Amino acid sequence: MNAGATLGEPASLAVSGTAPGRIGPNAITRIAEAIGASSGPAVVAEVFDAAGLSRYLSDPPSRMVDEREVTRLHSVLRARLGPANARALSIEAGRLTGDYLLANRIPRPMRWLLPKLPSSVASRVLLVAVSRHAWTFAGSGAFRAEPGRPVRLSIRGCPICKGAHSDEPLCEYYAATFERLYRALVHPGAVAMQTSCEAAGADACGFELRW
């Protein structure tokens, strides 16, 4: 996710991935931070080695990465640490990603202005910004945003759960990132939840934001 937006009034916003799938490095670096804080560097090394991404521990990526690396890392995370631990770590990584975006990618004027606007207006402004930069987190997937109460978001071809099968949603990383941004910029009581997941047979990974 990145920043920079103007106010628009669309009924919905959609962005389809057309370029080769690449994603911002937060989906990798924040996972390393979350594992390290929870379980220590040895577990970080184990997970990243199993995912074939050990090089990123000594030289963290600072540019867009191949989305297949993100898919592989999250798959290994679930396989090595179990679904419950992987979910908790994905949520923490999503929060850390939100913190990073707020500090480095959301312009200071927007950080000042949005919380002062009515929440419905702030939400639309933020959705325009998120949709314009969806390629940085959805990769080759197609992102869609529907303003309203609740706000509904979806990613078709979601890279985090691509190829996975599960009875439970697997893409809490995104939900936690959206929630962190909304709490800071739209409403402090905003809550995000994943409502559908391609890993469970849905057509797209869906999310709702309420406040």
N, C-alpha and C. Protein backbone atom coordinates (compact mmCIF):
# COMPACT_ATOMS: atom_id res chain seq x y z
N MET A 1 0.83 -1.18 0.00
CA MET A 1 0.00 0.00 0.00
C MET A 1 0.87 1.24 0.00
N ASN A 2 0.36 2.27 -0.60
CA ASN A 2 1.09 3.51 -0.66
C ASN A 2 0.14 4.63 -0.35
N ALA A 3 0.41 5.83 -0.80
CA ALA A 3 -0.41 6.94 -0.42
C ALA A 3 -0.62 7.90 -1.57
N GLY A 4 -1.46 8.91 -1.30
CA GLY A 4 -1.75 9.92 -2.29
C GLY A 4 -3.11 9.69 -2.88
N ALA A 5 -4.07 10.58 -2.62
CA ALA A 5 -5.41 10.35 -3.11
C ALA A 5 -6.15 11.65 -3.25
N THR A 6 -7.22 11.63 -4.04
CA THR A 6 -8.16 12.72 -4.09
C THR A 6 -9.53 12.15 -3.82
N LEU A 7 -10.42 12.99 -3.37
CA LEU A 7 -11.76 12.53 -3.01
C LEU A 7 -12.54 12.17 -4.25
N GLY A 8 -13.14 11.00 -4.27
CA GLY A 8 -14.00 10.58 -5.36
C GLY A 8 -15.30 10.05 -4.83
N GLU A 9 -16.28 9.87 -5.69
CA GLU A 9 -17.59 9.42 -5.26
C GLU A 9 -18.06 8.20 -6.05
N PRO A 10 -17.20 7.20 -6.27
CA PRO A 10 -17.64 6.03 -7.02
C PRO A 10 -18.49 5.11 -6.17
N ALA A 11 -19.37 4.37 -6.82
CA ALA A 11 -20.13 3.36 -6.09
C ALA A 11 -19.22 2.24 -5.66
N SER A 12 -18.22 1.95 -6.47
CA SER A 12 -17.23 0.94 -6.09
C SER A 12 -15.95 1.25 -6.83
N LEU A 13 -14.87 0.68 -6.33
CA LEU A 13 -13.56 0.90 -6.92
C LEU A 13 -12.95 -0.45 -7.19
N ALA A 14 -12.41 -0.66 -8.36
CA ALA A 14 -11.82 -1.95 -8.67
C ALA A 14 -10.47 -1.76 -9.33
N VAL A 15 -9.52 -2.61 -8.97
CA VAL A 15 -8.20 -2.57 -9.56
C VAL A 15 -7.80 -4.00 -9.88
N SER A 16 -7.49 -4.28 -11.12
CA SER A 16 -7.09 -5.62 -11.52
C SER A 16 -5.60 -5.65 -11.80
N GLY A 17 -4.95 -6.70 -11.32
CA GLY A 17 -3.53 -6.85 -11.56
C GLY A 17 -3.28 -7.25 -13.00
N THR A 18 -2.46 -6.48 -13.72
CA THR A 18 -2.15 -6.80 -15.11
C THR A 18 -0.65 -7.05 -15.30
N ALA A 19 0.18 -6.43 -14.46
CA ALA A 19 1.62 -6.64 -14.56
C ALA A 19 2.00 -7.93 -13.87
N PRO A 20 3.22 -8.44 -14.12
CA PRO A 20 3.68 -9.62 -13.38
C PRO A 20 3.54 -9.38 -11.88
N GLY A 21 3.15 -10.43 -11.16
CA GLY A 21 2.83 -10.28 -9.75
C GLY A 21 4.02 -9.93 -8.88
N ARG A 22 4.02 -8.71 -8.38
CA ARG A 22 5.04 -8.27 -7.44
C ARG A 22 4.35 -7.53 -6.31
N ILE A 23 4.92 -7.63 -5.11
CA ILE A 23 4.29 -7.10 -3.90
C ILE A 23 5.34 -6.33 -3.10
N GLY A 24 4.88 -5.34 -2.37
CA GLY A 24 5.79 -4.60 -1.50
C GLY A 24 6.41 -5.51 -0.46
N PRO A 25 7.62 -5.20 -0.01
CA PRO A 25 8.37 -6.10 0.86
C PRO A 25 7.80 -6.26 2.27
N ASN A 26 6.82 -5.44 2.66
CA ASN A 26 6.27 -5.57 4.01
C ASN A 26 5.70 -6.97 4.28
N ALA A 27 5.15 -7.59 3.24
CA ALA A 27 4.55 -8.92 3.42
C ALA A 27 5.60 -9.96 3.80
N ILE A 28 6.87 -9.62 3.64
CA ILE A 28 7.97 -10.51 4.05
C ILE A 28 8.67 -9.98 5.30
N THR A 29 9.06 -8.70 5.27
CA THR A 29 9.85 -8.16 6.38
C THR A 29 9.06 -8.10 7.69
N ARG A 30 7.78 -7.81 7.62
CA ARG A 30 7.00 -7.72 8.86
C ARG A 30 6.70 -9.11 9.44
N ILE A 31 6.64 -10.12 8.58
CA ILE A 31 6.51 -11.49 9.08
C ILE A 31 7.76 -11.85 9.87
N ALA A 32 8.93 -11.49 9.36
CA ALA A 32 10.18 -11.77 10.09
C ALA A 32 10.17 -11.07 11.44
N GLU A 33 9.73 -9.83 11.49
CA GLU A 33 9.68 -9.09 12.75
C GLU A 33 8.72 -9.74 13.73
N ALA A 34 7.56 -10.14 13.23
CA ALA A 34 6.55 -10.74 14.10
C ALA A 34 7.04 -12.07 14.68
N ILE A 35 7.64 -12.92 13.85
CA ILE A 35 8.16 -14.19 14.34
C ILE A 35 9.27 -13.95 15.35
N GLY A 36 10.18 -13.03 15.03
CA GLY A 36 11.30 -12.75 15.92
C GLY A 36 10.85 -12.28 17.28
N ALA A 37 9.85 -11.40 17.33
CA ALA A 37 9.36 -10.88 18.61
C ALA A 37 8.65 -11.95 19.41
N SER A 38 8.02 -12.89 18.71
CA SER A 38 7.25 -13.93 19.40
C SER A 38 8.08 -15.15 19.77
N SER A 39 8.93 -15.58 18.84
CA SER A 39 9.60 -16.88 19.01
C SER A 39 11.12 -16.83 18.93
N GLY A 40 11.69 -15.70 18.54
CA GLY A 40 13.13 -15.59 18.51
C GLY A 40 13.74 -15.83 17.15
N PRO A 41 15.02 -15.47 17.00
CA PRO A 41 15.68 -15.54 15.70
C PRO A 41 15.85 -16.95 15.14
N ALA A 42 15.93 -17.96 16.00
CA ALA A 42 16.11 -19.32 15.50
C ALA A 42 14.88 -19.77 14.70
N VAL A 43 13.71 -19.41 15.19
CA VAL A 43 12.48 -19.79 14.48
C VAL A 43 12.34 -18.98 13.20
N VAL A 44 12.74 -17.72 13.25
CA VAL A 44 12.74 -16.92 12.02
C VAL A 44 13.62 -17.60 10.98
N ALA A 45 14.81 -18.00 11.37
CA ALA A 45 15.74 -18.64 10.44
C ALA A 45 15.16 -19.94 9.90
N GLU A 46 14.50 -20.71 10.77
CA GLU A 46 13.91 -21.99 10.34
C GLU A 46 12.85 -21.77 9.27
N VAL A 47 11.95 -20.84 9.53
CA VAL A 47 10.84 -20.58 8.60
C VAL A 47 11.36 -20.03 7.28
N PHE A 48 12.26 -19.06 7.34
CA PHE A 48 12.76 -18.45 6.11
C PHE A 48 13.62 -19.43 5.32
N ASP A 49 14.36 -20.29 6.00
CA ASP A 49 15.13 -21.30 5.29
C ASP A 49 14.22 -22.27 4.57
N ALA A 50 13.14 -22.71 5.25
CA ALA A 50 12.20 -23.64 4.63
C ALA A 50 11.49 -23.01 3.42
N ALA A 51 11.33 -21.68 3.46
CA ALA A 51 10.68 -20.99 2.34
C ALA A 51 11.67 -20.60 1.25
N GLY A 52 12.98 -20.90 1.47
CA GLY A 52 13.99 -20.54 0.49
C GLY A 52 14.26 -19.05 0.44
N LEU A 53 14.06 -18.37 1.56
CA LEU A 53 14.19 -16.91 1.60
C LEU A 53 15.22 -16.44 2.62
N SER A 54 16.16 -17.31 2.97
CA SER A 54 17.14 -16.97 4.00
C SER A 54 17.93 -15.71 3.65
N ARG A 55 18.12 -15.45 2.38
CA ARG A 55 18.91 -14.28 1.97
C ARG A 55 18.29 -12.98 2.47
N TYR A 56 16.96 -12.99 2.68
CA TYR A 56 16.30 -11.76 3.13
C TYR A 56 16.57 -11.45 4.60
N LEU A 57 17.10 -12.40 5.34
CA LEU A 57 17.40 -12.12 6.75
C LEU A 57 18.65 -11.29 6.89
N SER A 58 19.62 -11.48 6.00
CA SER A 58 20.83 -10.67 6.04
C SER A 58 20.73 -9.44 5.15
N ASP A 59 19.84 -9.51 4.18
CA ASP A 59 19.66 -8.39 3.25
C ASP A 59 18.17 -8.19 2.99
N PRO A 60 17.44 -7.59 3.94
CA PRO A 60 15.99 -7.43 3.82
C PRO A 60 15.61 -6.71 2.53
N PRO A 61 14.56 -7.17 1.86
CA PRO A 61 14.16 -6.52 0.60
C PRO A 61 13.67 -5.10 0.85
N SER A 62 14.04 -4.20 -0.02
CA SER A 62 13.58 -2.81 0.08
C SER A 62 12.76 -2.42 -1.14
N ARG A 63 12.64 -3.35 -2.09
CA ARG A 63 11.83 -3.11 -3.29
C ARG A 63 10.80 -4.21 -3.44
N MET A 64 9.97 -4.07 -4.45
CA MET A 64 8.92 -5.05 -4.69
C MET A 64 9.52 -6.45 -4.87
N VAL A 65 8.82 -7.45 -4.36
CA VAL A 65 9.29 -8.84 -4.44
C VAL A 65 8.30 -9.67 -5.25
N ASP A 66 8.77 -10.78 -5.73
CA ASP A 66 7.93 -11.73 -6.47
C ASP A 66 6.82 -12.23 -5.54
N GLU A 67 5.59 -12.13 -5.98
CA GLU A 67 4.48 -12.55 -5.12
C GLU A 67 4.55 -14.03 -4.75
N ARG A 68 5.23 -14.83 -5.57
CA ARG A 68 5.35 -16.25 -5.25
C ARG A 68 6.17 -16.47 -3.99
N GLU A 69 7.09 -15.55 -3.71
CA GLU A 69 7.85 -15.63 -2.47
C GLU A 69 6.96 -15.39 -1.26
N VAL A 70 6.04 -14.45 -1.41
CA VAL A 70 5.09 -14.16 -0.32
C VAL A 70 4.17 -15.36 -0.11
N THR A 71 3.67 -15.93 -1.20
CA THR A 71 2.81 -17.11 -1.10
C THR A 71 3.54 -18.24 -0.37
N ARG A 72 4.78 -18.46 -0.76
CA ARG A 72 5.57 -19.55 -0.18
C ARG A 72 5.84 -19.30 1.30
N LEU A 73 6.17 -18.08 1.67
CA LEU A 73 6.47 -17.78 3.07
C LEU A 73 5.25 -18.01 3.95
N HIS A 74 4.10 -17.55 3.53
CA HIS A 74 2.90 -17.71 4.35
C HIS A 74 2.48 -19.18 4.41
N SER A 75 2.71 -19.92 3.34
CA SER A 75 2.41 -21.35 3.35
C SER A 75 3.30 -22.09 4.34
N VAL A 76 4.59 -21.78 4.31
CA VAL A 76 5.54 -22.40 5.25
C VAL A 76 5.21 -22.01 6.68
N LEU A 77 4.83 -20.77 6.88
CA LEU A 77 4.47 -20.29 8.22
C LEU A 77 3.35 -21.14 8.81
N ARG A 78 2.33 -21.43 8.01
CA ARG A 78 1.21 -22.26 8.48
C ARG A 78 1.65 -23.69 8.72
N ALA A 79 2.48 -24.22 7.81
CA ALA A 79 2.89 -25.61 7.92
C ALA A 79 3.83 -25.84 9.10
N ARG A 80 4.74 -24.93 9.34
CA ARG A 80 5.76 -25.11 10.39
C ARG A 80 5.25 -24.75 11.79
N LEU A 81 4.44 -23.71 11.88
CA LEU A 81 4.04 -23.21 13.20
C LEU A 81 2.58 -23.50 13.55
N GLY A 82 1.83 -24.03 12.60
CA GLY A 82 0.44 -24.37 12.87
C GLY A 82 -0.49 -23.21 12.55
N PRO A 83 -1.74 -23.50 12.20
CA PRO A 83 -2.69 -22.46 11.79
C PRO A 83 -2.91 -21.37 12.84
N ALA A 84 -3.04 -21.74 14.10
CA ALA A 84 -3.34 -20.75 15.14
C ALA A 84 -2.17 -19.78 15.31
N ASN A 85 -0.94 -20.31 15.40
CA ASN A 85 0.23 -19.44 15.53
C ASN A 85 0.43 -18.59 14.28
N ALA A 86 0.22 -19.21 13.11
CA ALA A 86 0.37 -18.46 11.86
C ALA A 86 -0.62 -17.32 11.80
N ARG A 87 -1.84 -17.57 12.26
CA ARG A 87 -2.85 -16.51 12.25
C ARG A 87 -2.42 -15.35 13.14
N ALA A 88 -1.97 -15.66 14.36
CA ALA A 88 -1.55 -14.61 15.29
C ALA A 88 -0.37 -13.82 14.72
N LEU A 89 0.57 -14.51 14.10
CA LEU A 89 1.73 -13.83 13.53
C LEU A 89 1.34 -12.99 12.31
N SER A 90 0.41 -13.48 11.51
CA SER A 90 -0.05 -12.71 10.36
C SER A 90 -0.75 -11.43 10.81
N ILE A 91 -1.53 -11.54 11.87
CA ILE A 91 -2.21 -10.35 12.40
C ILE A 91 -1.20 -9.33 12.89
N GLU A 92 -0.20 -9.80 13.64
CA GLU A 92 0.82 -8.88 14.13
C GLU A 92 1.60 -8.26 12.97
N ALA A 93 1.93 -9.05 11.97
CA ALA A 93 2.63 -8.53 10.80
C ALA A 93 1.79 -7.49 10.07
N GLY A 94 0.48 -7.72 10.01
CA GLY A 94 -0.42 -6.75 9.39
C GLY A 94 -0.44 -5.44 10.16
N ARG A 95 -0.46 -5.53 11.48
CA ARG A 95 -0.41 -4.31 12.29
C ARG A 95 0.89 -3.56 12.08
N LEU A 96 1.99 -4.29 12.04
CA LEU A 96 3.29 -3.67 11.80
C LEU A 96 3.34 -3.01 10.42
N THR A 97 2.72 -3.65 9.44
CA THR A 97 2.66 -3.07 8.11
C THR A 97 1.86 -1.77 8.14
N GLY A 98 0.74 -1.78 8.85
CA GLY A 98 -0.05 -0.56 8.98
C GLY A 98 0.75 0.56 9.63
N ASP A 99 1.51 0.22 10.67
CA ASP A 99 2.36 1.22 11.33
C ASP A 99 3.38 1.80 10.35
N TYR A 100 3.98 0.92 9.56
CA TYR A 100 4.97 1.37 8.58
C TYR A 100 4.34 2.32 7.55
N LEU A 101 3.18 1.94 7.05
CA LEU A 101 2.51 2.77 6.05
C LEU A 101 2.14 4.13 6.62
N LEU A 102 1.65 4.15 7.84
CA LEU A 102 1.28 5.41 8.47
C LEU A 102 2.50 6.31 8.65
N ALA A 103 3.62 5.72 8.98
CA ALA A 103 4.82 6.50 9.25
C ALA A 103 5.56 6.92 7.98
N ASN A 104 5.44 6.11 6.91
CA ASN A 104 6.29 6.33 5.75
C ASN A 104 5.58 6.52 4.42
N ARG A 105 4.32 6.15 4.32
CA ARG A 105 3.66 6.19 3.02
C ARG A 105 2.40 7.07 2.99
N ILE A 106 1.86 7.39 4.12
CA ILE A 106 0.70 8.29 4.16
C ILE A 106 1.22 9.71 4.41
N PRO A 107 0.98 10.64 3.49
CA PRO A 107 1.49 12.00 3.66
C PRO A 107 0.99 12.63 4.96
N ARG A 108 1.84 13.44 5.58
CA ARG A 108 1.49 14.09 6.83
C ARG A 108 0.16 14.86 6.76
N PRO A 109 -0.10 15.63 5.67
CA PRO A 109 -1.39 16.33 5.61
C PRO A 109 -2.59 15.39 5.68
N MET A 110 -2.48 14.21 5.05
CA MET A 110 -3.58 13.25 5.11
C MET A 110 -3.73 12.69 6.51
N ARG A 111 -2.60 12.42 7.18
CA ARG A 111 -2.67 11.89 8.54
C ARG A 111 -3.32 12.91 9.49
N TRP A 112 -3.14 14.18 9.19
CA TRP A 112 -3.74 15.23 10.02
C TRP A 112 -5.21 15.44 9.67
N LEU A 113 -5.51 15.44 8.36
CA LEU A 113 -6.85 15.81 7.91
C LEU A 113 -7.89 14.71 8.09
N LEU A 114 -7.57 13.49 7.68
CA LEU A 114 -8.59 12.45 7.64
C LEU A 114 -9.29 12.22 8.98
N PRO A 115 -8.58 12.15 10.11
CA PRO A 115 -9.28 11.93 11.37
C PRO A 115 -10.22 13.07 11.76
N LYS A 116 -10.07 14.24 11.13
CA LYS A 116 -10.92 15.38 11.44
C LYS A 116 -12.18 15.41 10.58
N LEU A 117 -12.20 14.62 9.51
CA LEU A 117 -13.36 14.57 8.63
C LEU A 117 -14.41 13.62 9.17
N PRO A 118 -15.67 13.77 8.74
CA PRO A 118 -16.67 12.73 9.05
C PRO A 118 -16.15 11.37 8.58
N SER A 119 -16.40 10.35 9.35
CA SER A 119 -15.81 9.04 9.05
C SER A 119 -16.18 8.53 7.66
N SER A 120 -17.40 8.82 7.19
CA SER A 120 -17.79 8.34 5.87
C SER A 120 -16.97 9.01 4.77
N VAL A 121 -16.65 10.29 4.96
CA VAL A 121 -15.83 11.01 3.98
C VAL A 121 -14.38 10.53 4.05
N ALA A 122 -13.85 10.41 5.27
CA ALA A 122 -12.48 9.92 5.44
C ALA A 122 -12.32 8.54 4.83
N SER A 123 -13.32 7.69 5.00
CA SER A 123 -13.26 6.34 4.45
C SER A 123 -13.16 6.37 2.93
N ARG A 124 -13.94 7.22 2.28
CA ARG A 124 -13.90 7.29 0.82
C ARG A 124 -12.54 7.79 0.33
N VAL A 125 -12.00 8.79 1.01
CA VAL A 125 -10.68 9.29 0.61
C VAL A 125 -9.64 8.18 0.74
N LEU A 126 -9.67 7.47 1.87
CA LEU A 126 -8.70 6.40 2.09
C LEU A 126 -8.87 5.28 1.07
N LEU A 127 -10.10 4.95 0.74
CA LEU A 127 -10.33 3.88 -0.23
C LEU A 127 -9.79 4.24 -1.60
N VAL A 128 -9.90 5.51 -1.99
CA VAL A 128 -9.33 5.92 -3.26
C VAL A 128 -7.82 5.69 -3.25
N ALA A 129 -7.17 6.09 -2.15
CA ALA A 129 -5.72 5.92 -2.05
C ALA A 129 -5.34 4.45 -2.07
N VAL A 130 -6.04 3.63 -1.30
CA VAL A 130 -5.74 2.20 -1.24
C VAL A 130 -5.94 1.55 -2.60
N SER A 131 -7.04 1.90 -3.27
CA SER A 131 -7.33 1.30 -4.57
C SER A 131 -6.29 1.68 -5.62
N ARG A 132 -5.85 2.93 -5.58
CA ARG A 132 -4.84 3.37 -6.55
C ARG A 132 -3.52 2.63 -6.39
N HIS A 133 -3.26 2.16 -5.20
CA HIS A 133 -1.98 1.50 -4.93
C HIS A 133 -2.16 0.02 -4.61
N ALA A 134 -3.29 -0.55 -5.02
CA ALA A 134 -3.56 -1.94 -4.71
C ALA A 134 -2.54 -2.89 -5.33
N TRP A 135 -1.94 -2.47 -6.43
CA TRP A 135 -0.93 -3.32 -7.08
C TRP A 135 0.25 -3.59 -6.15
N THR A 136 0.46 -2.74 -5.15
CA THR A 136 1.60 -2.92 -4.25
C THR A 136 1.35 -4.00 -3.20
N PHE A 137 0.10 -4.42 -3.03
CA PHE A 137 -0.15 -5.47 -2.04
C PHE A 137 -0.95 -6.64 -2.59
N ALA A 138 -1.67 -6.47 -3.70
CA ALA A 138 -2.46 -7.56 -4.27
C ALA A 138 -1.72 -8.31 -5.36
N GLY A 139 -0.59 -7.78 -5.81
CA GLY A 139 0.16 -8.47 -6.85
C GLY A 139 -0.65 -8.64 -8.12
N SER A 140 -0.72 -9.86 -8.61
CA SER A 140 -1.49 -10.15 -9.82
C SER A 140 -2.97 -10.31 -9.52
N GLY A 141 -3.35 -10.22 -8.25
CA GLY A 141 -4.75 -10.33 -7.88
C GLY A 141 -5.53 -9.09 -8.26
N ALA A 142 -6.85 -9.20 -8.22
CA ALA A 142 -7.74 -8.08 -8.53
C ALA A 142 -8.38 -7.59 -7.23
N PHE A 143 -8.17 -6.32 -6.92
CA PHE A 143 -8.68 -5.72 -5.69
C PHE A 143 -9.95 -4.92 -6.00
N ARG A 144 -10.91 -5.02 -5.11
CA ARG A 144 -12.16 -4.28 -5.26
C ARG A 144 -12.56 -3.67 -3.92
N ALA A 145 -13.01 -2.43 -3.95
CA ALA A 145 -13.45 -1.74 -2.74
C ALA A 145 -14.84 -1.17 -2.95
N GLU A 146 -15.74 -1.42 -1.99
CA GLU A 146 -17.09 -0.89 -2.04
C GLU A 146 -17.31 -0.02 -0.81
N PRO A 147 -17.39 1.32 -1.00
CA PRO A 147 -17.64 2.21 0.13
C PRO A 147 -19.01 1.93 0.74
N GLY A 148 -19.18 2.30 1.98
CA GLY A 148 -20.47 2.12 2.66
C GLY A 148 -20.26 1.76 4.11
N ARG A 149 -21.33 1.30 4.72
CA ARG A 149 -21.27 0.84 6.10
C ARG A 149 -21.93 -0.53 6.15
N PRO A 150 -21.19 -1.62 6.15
CA PRO A 150 -19.72 -1.64 6.24
C PRO A 150 -19.04 -1.40 4.90
N VAL A 151 -17.76 -1.08 4.97
CA VAL A 151 -16.91 -1.08 3.79
C VAL A 151 -16.61 -2.53 3.44
N ARG A 152 -16.72 -2.86 2.18
CA ARG A 152 -16.41 -4.22 1.74
C ARG A 152 -15.23 -4.18 0.77
N LEU A 153 -14.24 -5.02 1.03
CA LEU A 153 -13.05 -5.13 0.21
C LEU A 153 -12.90 -6.58 -0.25
N SER A 154 -12.28 -6.78 -1.39
CA SER A 154 -12.02 -8.15 -1.82
C SER A 154 -10.77 -8.20 -2.67
N ILE A 155 -10.12 -9.36 -2.65
CA ILE A 155 -8.96 -9.64 -3.50
C ILE A 155 -9.22 -10.98 -4.18
N ARG A 156 -9.38 -10.95 -5.49
CA ARG A 156 -9.53 -12.19 -6.26
C ARG A 156 -8.15 -12.60 -6.76
N GLY A 157 -7.75 -13.84 -6.48
CA GLY A 157 -6.40 -14.26 -6.78
C GLY A 157 -5.44 -13.82 -5.69
N CYS A 158 -5.89 -13.92 -4.46
CA CYS A 158 -5.13 -13.43 -3.31
C CYS A 158 -3.82 -14.19 -3.16
N PRO A 159 -2.69 -13.49 -3.11
CA PRO A 159 -1.40 -14.18 -3.07
C PRO A 159 -1.11 -14.90 -1.76
N ILE A 160 -1.66 -14.46 -0.65
CA ILE A 160 -1.34 -15.07 0.63
C ILE A 160 -1.87 -16.49 0.74
N CYS A 161 -3.05 -16.74 0.19
CA CYS A 161 -3.64 -18.08 0.33
C CYS A 161 -3.66 -18.87 -0.98
N LYS A 162 -2.97 -18.37 -1.99
CA LYS A 162 -2.99 -19.03 -3.30
C LYS A 162 -2.54 -20.48 -3.18
N GLY A 163 -3.35 -21.39 -3.68
CA GLY A 163 -3.02 -22.80 -3.67
C GLY A 163 -3.31 -23.51 -2.36
N ALA A 164 -3.77 -22.79 -1.36
CA ALA A 164 -4.04 -23.39 -0.04
C ALA A 164 -5.49 -23.86 0.05
N HIS A 165 -5.72 -24.78 0.98
CA HIS A 165 -7.08 -25.27 1.26
C HIS A 165 -7.28 -25.25 2.77
N SER A 166 -8.36 -24.63 3.20
CA SER A 166 -8.60 -24.48 4.63
C SER A 166 -10.07 -24.25 4.90
N ASP A 167 -10.53 -24.69 6.07
CA ASP A 167 -11.89 -24.40 6.50
C ASP A 167 -11.99 -23.01 7.12
N GLU A 168 -10.85 -22.42 7.45
CA GLU A 168 -10.82 -21.09 8.09
C GLU A 168 -10.14 -20.09 7.16
N PRO A 169 -10.52 -18.82 7.26
CA PRO A 169 -9.84 -17.78 6.47
C PRO A 169 -8.35 -17.73 6.80
N LEU A 170 -7.54 -17.43 5.80
CA LEU A 170 -6.08 -17.44 5.98
C LEU A 170 -5.42 -16.09 5.77
N CYS A 171 -6.19 -15.07 5.46
CA CYS A 171 -5.59 -13.81 5.01
C CYS A 171 -5.75 -12.69 6.03
N GLU A 172 -5.56 -13.04 7.31
CA GLU A 172 -5.70 -12.05 8.37
C GLU A 172 -4.67 -10.94 8.26
N TYR A 173 -3.57 -11.20 7.57
CA TYR A 173 -2.56 -10.16 7.36
C TYR A 173 -3.20 -8.92 6.75
N TYR A 174 -4.00 -9.11 5.72
CA TYR A 174 -4.66 -7.97 5.07
C TYR A 174 -5.67 -7.32 6.01
N ALA A 175 -6.48 -8.14 6.67
CA ALA A 175 -7.49 -7.58 7.57
C ALA A 175 -6.85 -6.71 8.64
N ALA A 176 -5.74 -7.17 9.20
CA ALA A 176 -5.08 -6.41 10.26
C ALA A 176 -4.48 -5.11 9.73
N THR A 177 -3.96 -5.14 8.51
CA THR A 177 -3.41 -3.92 7.91
C THR A 177 -4.52 -2.90 7.67
N PHE A 178 -5.63 -3.35 7.06
CA PHE A 178 -6.76 -2.45 6.83
C PHE A 178 -7.27 -1.87 8.14
N GLU A 179 -7.39 -2.71 9.16
CA GLU A 179 -7.90 -2.25 10.45
C GLU A 179 -7.00 -1.18 11.05
N ARG A 180 -5.69 -1.39 10.99
CA ARG A 180 -4.76 -0.41 11.57
C ARG A 180 -4.89 0.95 10.87
N LEU A 181 -5.00 0.94 9.55
CA LEU A 181 -5.16 2.20 8.82
C LEU A 181 -6.48 2.88 9.15
N TYR A 182 -7.54 2.10 9.21
CA TYR A 182 -8.86 2.69 9.50
C TYR A 182 -8.94 3.24 10.91
N ARG A 183 -8.34 2.55 11.85
CA ARG A 183 -8.38 3.06 13.23
C ARG A 183 -7.62 4.38 13.37
N ALA A 184 -6.55 4.52 12.62
CA ALA A 184 -5.75 5.74 12.71
C ALA A 184 -6.34 6.89 11.90
N LEU A 185 -6.98 6.57 10.77
CA LEU A 185 -7.36 7.62 9.83
C LEU A 185 -8.86 7.85 9.68
N VAL A 186 -9.67 6.86 10.07
CA VAL A 186 -11.12 6.98 9.85
C VAL A 186 -11.90 7.00 11.15
N HIS A 187 -11.71 5.98 11.98
CA HIS A 187 -12.44 5.90 13.25
C HIS A 187 -11.67 5.00 14.21
N PRO A 188 -11.45 5.45 15.45
CA PRO A 188 -10.64 4.64 16.39
C PRO A 188 -11.28 3.32 16.77
N GLY A 189 -12.58 3.17 16.52
CA GLY A 189 -13.25 1.92 16.85
C GLY A 189 -13.42 0.98 15.67
N ALA A 190 -12.74 1.26 14.55
CA ALA A 190 -12.89 0.42 13.35
C ALA A 190 -12.40 -1.00 13.61
N VAL A 191 -13.15 -1.95 13.10
CA VAL A 191 -12.79 -3.37 13.22
C VAL A 191 -12.89 -4.01 11.83
N ALA A 192 -11.86 -4.75 11.46
CA ALA A 192 -11.85 -5.45 10.18
C ALA A 192 -11.94 -6.95 10.42
N MET A 193 -12.65 -7.63 9.56
CA MET A 193 -12.72 -9.09 9.65
C MET A 193 -12.77 -9.67 8.25
N GLN A 194 -12.18 -10.86 8.11
CA GLN A 194 -12.25 -11.55 6.84
C GLN A 194 -13.54 -12.34 6.79
N THR A 195 -14.31 -12.14 5.72
CA THR A 195 -15.62 -12.75 5.60
C THR A 195 -15.66 -13.93 4.63
N SER A 196 -14.67 -14.04 3.77
CA SER A 196 -14.60 -15.17 2.84
C SER A 196 -13.15 -15.37 2.45
N CYS A 197 -12.84 -16.58 1.99
CA CYS A 197 -11.46 -16.89 1.63
C CYS A 197 -11.43 -17.87 0.46
N GLU A 198 -10.58 -17.59 -0.48
CA GLU A 198 -10.45 -18.49 -1.63
C GLU A 198 -9.98 -19.87 -1.19
N ALA A 199 -9.20 -19.92 -0.11
CA ALA A 199 -8.73 -21.22 0.38
C ALA A 199 -9.87 -22.10 0.85
N ALA A 200 -10.99 -21.47 1.21
CA ALA A 200 -12.18 -22.21 1.66
C ALA A 200 -13.20 -22.37 0.54
N GLY A 201 -12.81 -22.03 -0.68
CA GLY A 201 -13.68 -22.23 -1.84
C GLY A 201 -14.41 -21.01 -2.33
N ALA A 202 -14.19 -19.84 -1.72
CA ALA A 202 -14.86 -18.62 -2.17
C ALA A 202 -14.26 -18.12 -3.47
N ASP A 203 -15.00 -17.29 -4.18
CA ASP A 203 -14.52 -16.72 -5.43
C ASP A 203 -13.43 -15.68 -5.20
N ALA A 204 -13.44 -15.07 -4.01
CA ALA A 204 -12.44 -14.06 -3.68
C ALA A 204 -12.30 -14.00 -2.16
N CYS A 205 -11.20 -13.44 -1.71
CA CYS A 205 -11.02 -13.22 -0.28
C CYS A 205 -11.68 -11.88 0.05
N GLY A 206 -12.69 -11.94 0.92
CA GLY A 206 -13.46 -10.74 1.24
C GLY A 206 -13.22 -10.26 2.65
N PHE A 207 -13.35 -8.95 2.84
CA PHE A 207 -13.13 -8.33 4.13
C PHE A 207 -14.21 -7.26 4.36
N GLU A 208 -14.55 -7.05 5.61
CA GLU A 208 -15.49 -5.99 5.97
C GLU A 208 -14.88 -5.12 7.05
N LEU A 209 -15.13 -3.83 6.97
CA LEU A 209 -14.70 -2.87 7.97
C LEU A 209 -15.92 -2.18 8.54
N ARG A 210 -16.06 -2.23 9.87
CA ARG A 210 -17.19 -1.62 10.57
C ARG A 210 -16.68 -0.69 11.66
N TRP A 211 -17.46 0.30 11.98
CA TRP A 211 -17.16 1.17 13.10
C TRP A 211 -18.45 1.82 13.62
